[in-house]
Amino acid sequence: AMWGCHSDCIFERVDMKGSRICFKAGDLEVVCPEDMFLLGAYPYVTIQNTLDVEVTGVVEYEDHFLCSQDSYTAPANGTWTAGSRGVCLVTEITANYKGQSGDPRPSCISYEADGTSYAKFSIIVNTKTKVCQVIRPVS
């Protein structure tokens, strides 16, 4: 990231409410257990692929200076989970798959938002339109 953060661990100084602090690479080890609550951090993005084919795509985040996009590959009828997220809000998730002949098919309809903290998404085929799309399950 632009700020040189060593990990997605984000802290707030007790004497500076609303501050955001991270650690740069150095001589000391940064310890940030996975089960530790990260101040202001959102859950890792998880994409459930309900299609019978592998799907690839990109998760775009709101702040391009602090948050880099995630390229993903979700196996057929499987799940992909991001390896990090921090305070990044999702703005778009694209999805593409190849046809039986191996030729690229048109992309699925992307999920788009102004910036959401939601973390669970699915790739489905809409039963009415028969079109593949990325959705945020509401149940």
C-alpha atoms as a PDB file:
ATOM      1  CA  ALA A   1       0.000   0.000   0.000  1.00  0.00           C
ATOM      2  CA  MET A   2       0.989   3.595  -0.468  1.00  0.00           C
ATOM      3  CA  TRP A   3       1.473   4.155   3.259  1.00  0.00           C
ATOM      4  CA  GLY A   4       3.826   1.179   3.617  1.00  0.00           C
ATOM      5  CA  CYS A   5       1.693  -0.744   6.103  1.00  0.00           C
ATOM      6  CA  HIS A   6       3.221  -4.121   6.874  1.00  0.00           C
ATOM      7  CA  SER A   7      -0.161  -5.826   7.444  1.00  0.00           C
ATOM      8  CA  ASP A   8      -3.884  -5.110   7.672  1.00  0.00           C
ATOM      9  CA  CYS A   9      -3.600  -4.520  11.439  1.00  0.00           C
ATOM     10  CA  ILE A  10      -5.116  -1.115  12.145  1.00  0.00           C
ATOM     11  CA  PHE A  11      -5.049   0.468  15.582  1.00  0.00           C
ATOM     12  CA  GLU A  12      -6.363   3.622  17.231  1.00  0.00           C
ATOM     13  CA  ARG A  13      -4.269   5.642  19.666  1.00  0.00           C
ATOM     14  CA  VAL A  14      -6.063   5.945  23.014  1.00  0.00           C
ATOM     15  CA  ASP A  15      -5.250   9.665  23.182  1.00  0.00           C
ATOM     16  CA  MET A  16      -6.257  10.331  19.533  1.00  0.00           C
ATOM     17  CA  LYS A  17      -9.865   9.235  18.972  1.00  0.00           C
ATOM     18  CA  GLY A  18     -10.521   8.379  15.338  1.00  0.00           C
ATOM     19  CA  SER A  19      -6.833   7.942  14.486  1.00  0.00           C
ATOM     20  CA  ARG A  20      -5.687   5.097  12.264  1.00  0.00           C
ATOM     21  CA  ILE A  21      -2.255   3.589  12.867  1.00  0.00           C
ATOM     22  CA  CYS A  22      -0.484   0.722  11.137  1.00  0.00           C
ATOM     23  CA  PHE A  23       3.058  -0.651  11.278  1.00  0.00           C
ATOM     24  CA  LYS A  24       5.730  -0.394   8.593  1.00  0.00           C
ATOM     25  CA  ALA A  25       8.370  -3.066   7.992  1.00  0.00           C
ATOM     26  CA  GLY A  26      11.217  -2.829  10.503  1.00  0.00           C
ATOM     27  CA  ASP A  27      13.365  -4.726  12.967  1.00  0.00           C
ATOM     28  CA  LEU A  28      10.458  -5.778  15.191  1.00  0.00           C
ATOM     29  CA  GLU A  29       7.804  -8.352  14.362  1.00  0.00           C
ATOM     30  CA  VAL A  30       4.231  -7.139  13.801  1.00  0.00           C
ATOM     31  CA  VAL A  31       1.887  -9.413  15.729  1.00  0.00           C
ATOM     32  CA  CYS A  32      -1.723  -9.328  14.614  1.00  0.00           C
ATOM     33  CA  PRO A  33      -3.518 -12.611  15.344  1.00  0.00           C
ATOM     34  CA  GLU A  34      -6.267 -13.486  12.863  1.00  0.00           C
ATOM     35  CA  ASP A  35      -8.821 -13.700  15.667  1.00  0.00           C
ATOM     36  CA  MET A  36      -7.862 -10.257  17.031  1.00  0.00           C
ATOM     37  CA  PHE A  37     -10.485  -7.557  16.533  1.00  0.00           C
ATOM     38  CA  LEU A  38      -9.117  -4.994  14.099  1.00  0.00           C
ATOM     39  CA  LEU A  39     -10.379  -1.492  14.753  1.00  0.00           C
ATOM     40  CA  GLY A  40     -12.617  -0.463  11.895  1.00  0.00           C
ATOM     41  CA  ALA A  41     -11.665  -3.499   9.812  1.00  0.00           C
ATOM     42  CA  TYR A  42     -14.313  -5.291   7.800  1.00  0.00           C
ATOM     43  CA  PRO A  43     -14.694  -9.064   7.352  1.00  0.00           C
ATOM     44  CA  TYR A  44     -12.797 -10.595   4.437  1.00  0.00           C
ATOM     45  CA  VAL A  45     -14.804 -10.767   1.201  1.00  0.00           C
ATOM     46  CA  THR A  46     -16.164 -14.257   0.460  1.00  0.00           C
ATOM     47  CA  ILE A  47     -17.615 -15.202  -2.926  1.00  0.00           C
ATOM     48  CA  GLN A  48     -19.734 -18.367  -3.273  1.00  0.00           C
ATOM     49  CA  ASN A  49     -19.758 -19.620  -6.860  1.00  0.00           C
ATOM     50  CA  THR A  50     -22.960 -21.571  -7.588  1.00  0.00           C
ATOM     51  CA  LEU A  51     -22.031 -22.175 -11.246  1.00  0.00           C
ATOM     52  CA  ASP A  52     -20.766 -25.534 -12.535  1.00  0.00           C
ATOM     53  CA  VAL A  53     -17.707 -23.764 -14.022  1.00  0.00           C
ATOM     54  CA  GLU A  54     -14.719 -21.897 -12.580  1.00  0.00           C
ATOM     55  CA  VAL A  55     -15.226 -18.138 -12.381  1.00  0.00           C
ATOM     56  CA  THR A  56     -12.558 -15.432 -12.314  1.00  0.00           C
ATOM     57  CA  GLY A  57     -12.940 -11.756 -11.543  1.00  0.00           C
ATOM     58  CA  VAL A  58     -11.863  -8.725  -9.590  1.00  0.00           C
ATOM     59  CA  VAL A  59     -13.001  -7.186  -6.297  1.00  0.00           C
ATOM     60  CA  GLU A  60     -12.620  -3.391  -6.475  1.00  0.00           C
ATOM     61  CA  TYR A  61     -12.374  -1.256  -3.336  1.00  0.00           C
ATOM     62  CA  GLU A  62     -13.242   2.409  -2.791  1.00  0.00           C
ATOM     63  CA  ASP A  63      -9.848   3.853  -1.818  1.00  0.00           C
ATOM     64  CA  HIS A  64      -7.256   3.006  -4.462  1.00  0.00           C
ATOM     65  CA  PHE A  65      -4.437   4.551  -2.398  1.00  0.00           C
ATOM     66  CA  LEU A  66      -4.965   2.348   0.661  1.00  0.00           C
ATOM     67  CA  CYS A  67      -6.783  -0.619  -0.865  1.00  0.00           C
ATOM     68  CA  SER A  68      -5.561  -2.657  -3.813  1.00  0.00           C
ATOM     69  CA  GLN A  69      -8.001  -4.705  -5.881  1.00  0.00           C
ATOM     70  CA  ASP A  70      -8.231  -8.464  -5.393  1.00  0.00           C
ATOM     71  CA  SER A  71      -8.175 -10.788  -8.397  1.00  0.00           C
ATOM     72  CA  TYR A  72      -9.950 -14.039  -7.599  1.00  0.00           C
ATOM     73  CA  THR A  73     -10.640 -17.510  -8.959  1.00  0.00           C
ATOM     74  CA  ALA A  74     -13.695 -19.259  -7.517  1.00  0.00           C
ATOM     75  CA  PRO A  75     -13.820 -22.984  -8.311  1.00  0.00           C
ATOM     76  CA  ALA A  76     -16.976 -24.540  -9.763  1.00  0.00           C
ATOM     77  CA  ASN A  77     -19.550 -24.811  -6.953  1.00  0.00           C
ATOM     78  CA  GLY A  78     -16.909 -23.515  -4.553  1.00  0.00           C
ATOM     79  CA  THR A  79     -15.882 -20.520  -2.492  1.00  0.00           C
ATOM     80  CA  TRP A  80     -13.116 -17.917  -2.650  1.00  0.00           C
ATOM     81  CA  THR A  81     -12.124 -15.799   0.374  1.00  0.00           C
ATOM     82  CA  ALA A  82      -9.879 -12.725   0.273  1.00  0.00           C
ATOM     83  CA  GLY A  83      -6.629 -12.846   2.213  1.00  0.00           C
ATOM     84  CA  SER A  84      -6.996  -9.318   3.602  1.00  0.00           C
ATOM     85  CA  ARG A  85      -9.319  -6.302   3.626  1.00  0.00           C
ATOM     86  CA  GLY A  86      -8.715  -3.801   6.422  1.00  0.00           C
ATOM     87  CA  VAL A  87     -10.963  -0.731   6.162  1.00  0.00           C
ATOM     88  CA  CYS A  88     -11.671  -1.157   2.446  1.00  0.00           C
ATOM     89  CA  LEU A  89     -15.242  -0.726   1.153  1.00  0.00           C
ATOM     90  CA  VAL A  90     -16.310  -2.832  -1.851  1.00  0.00           C
ATOM     91  CA  THR A  91     -17.380  -0.856  -4.935  1.00  0.00           C
ATOM     92  CA  GLU A  92     -17.535  -3.572  -7.611  1.00  0.00           C
ATOM     93  CA  ILE A  93     -17.153  -7.321  -8.097  1.00  0.00           C
ATOM     94  CA  THR A  94     -16.782  -8.634 -11.645  1.00  0.00           C
ATOM     95  CA  ALA A  95     -17.162 -12.262 -12.755  1.00  0.00           C
ATOM     96  CA  ASN A  96     -16.194 -14.047 -15.984  1.00  0.00           C
ATOM     97  CA  TYR A  97     -16.201 -17.663 -17.101  1.00  0.00           C
ATOM     98  CA  LYS A  98     -15.356 -19.592 -20.254  1.00  0.00           C
ATOM     99  CA  GLY A  99     -17.817 -21.473 -22.410  1.00  0.00           C
ATOM    100  CA  GLN A 100     -17.574 -25.178 -23.139  1.00  0.00           C
ATOM    101  CA  SER A 101     -15.493 -24.464 -26.236  1.00  0.00           C
ATOM    102  CA  GLY A 102     -13.024 -22.476 -24.132  1.00  0.00           C
ATOM    103  CA  ASP A 103     -14.030 -19.196 -25.737  1.00  0.00           C
ATOM    104  CA  PRO A 104     -14.627 -16.386 -23.277  1.00  0.00           C
ATOM    105  CA  ARG A 105     -18.292 -15.675 -22.766  1.00  0.00           C
ATOM    106  CA  PRO A 106     -19.702 -12.269 -21.962  1.00  0.00           C
ATOM    107  CA  SER A 107     -19.055 -11.365 -18.353  1.00  0.00           C
ATOM    108  CA  CYS A 108     -21.618 -11.882 -15.679  1.00  0.00           C
ATOM    109  CA  ILE A 109     -23.489  -8.820 -14.440  1.00  0.00           C
ATOM    110  CA  SER A 110     -21.216  -7.185 -11.868  1.00  0.00           C
ATOM    111  CA  TYR A 111     -22.140  -6.251  -8.320  1.00  0.00           C
ATOM    112  CA  GLU A 112     -21.811  -2.475  -7.921  1.00  0.00           C
ATOM    113  CA  ALA A 113     -22.098  -0.213  -4.871  1.00  0.00           C
ATOM    114  CA  ASP A 114     -21.023   3.253  -3.752  1.00  0.00           C
ATOM    115  CA  GLY A 115     -18.895   1.490  -1.137  1.00  0.00           C
ATOM    116  CA  THR A 116     -20.234  -1.299   1.056  1.00  0.00           C
ATOM    117  CA  SER A 117     -18.902  -3.083   4.126  1.00  0.00           C
ATOM    118  CA  TYR A 118     -20.797  -6.269   3.202  1.00  0.00           C
ATOM    119  CA  ALA A 119     -18.535  -9.287   2.875  1.00  0.00           C
ATOM    120  CA  LYS A 120     -20.638 -12.189   1.559  1.00  0.00           C
ATOM    121  CA  PHE A 121     -21.435 -12.391  -2.143  1.00  0.00           C
ATOM    122  CA  SER A 122     -22.644 -15.086  -4.560  1.00  0.00           C
ATOM    123  CA  ILE A 123     -22.328 -15.768  -8.273  1.00  0.00           C
ATOM    124  CA  ILE A 124     -25.641 -17.109  -9.544  1.00  0.00           C
ATOM    125  CA  VAL A 125     -27.670 -17.599 -12.713  1.00  0.00           C
ATOM    126  CA  ASN A 126     -30.836 -15.519 -12.459  1.00  0.00           C
ATOM    127  CA  THR A 127     -33.734 -17.966 -12.892  1.00  0.00           C
ATOM    128  CA  LYS A 128     -35.858 -15.408 -14.787  1.00  0.00           C
ATOM    129  CA  THR A 129     -33.278 -13.865 -17.126  1.00  0.00           C
ATOM    130  CA  LYS A 130     -30.927 -16.902 -17.340  1.00  0.00           C
ATOM    131  CA  VAL A 131     -28.034 -14.441 -16.978  1.00  0.00           C
ATOM    132  CA  CYS A 132     -25.073 -14.918 -14.634  1.00  0.00           C
ATOM    133  CA  GLN A 133     -24.691 -12.207 -12.006  1.00  0.00           C
ATOM    134  CA  VAL A 134     -22.869 -11.329  -8.800  1.00  0.00           C
ATOM    135  CA  ILE A 135     -25.275 -10.649  -5.929  1.00  0.00           C
ATOM    136  CA  ARG A 136     -25.260  -9.967  -2.211  1.00  0.00           C
ATOM    137  CA  PRO A 137     -27.485 -12.606  -0.623  1.00  0.00           C
ATOM    138  CA  VAL A 138     -30.071 -11.021   1.655  1.00  0.00           C
ATOM    139  CA  SER A 139     -30.925 -14.080   3.751  1.00  0.00           C
END
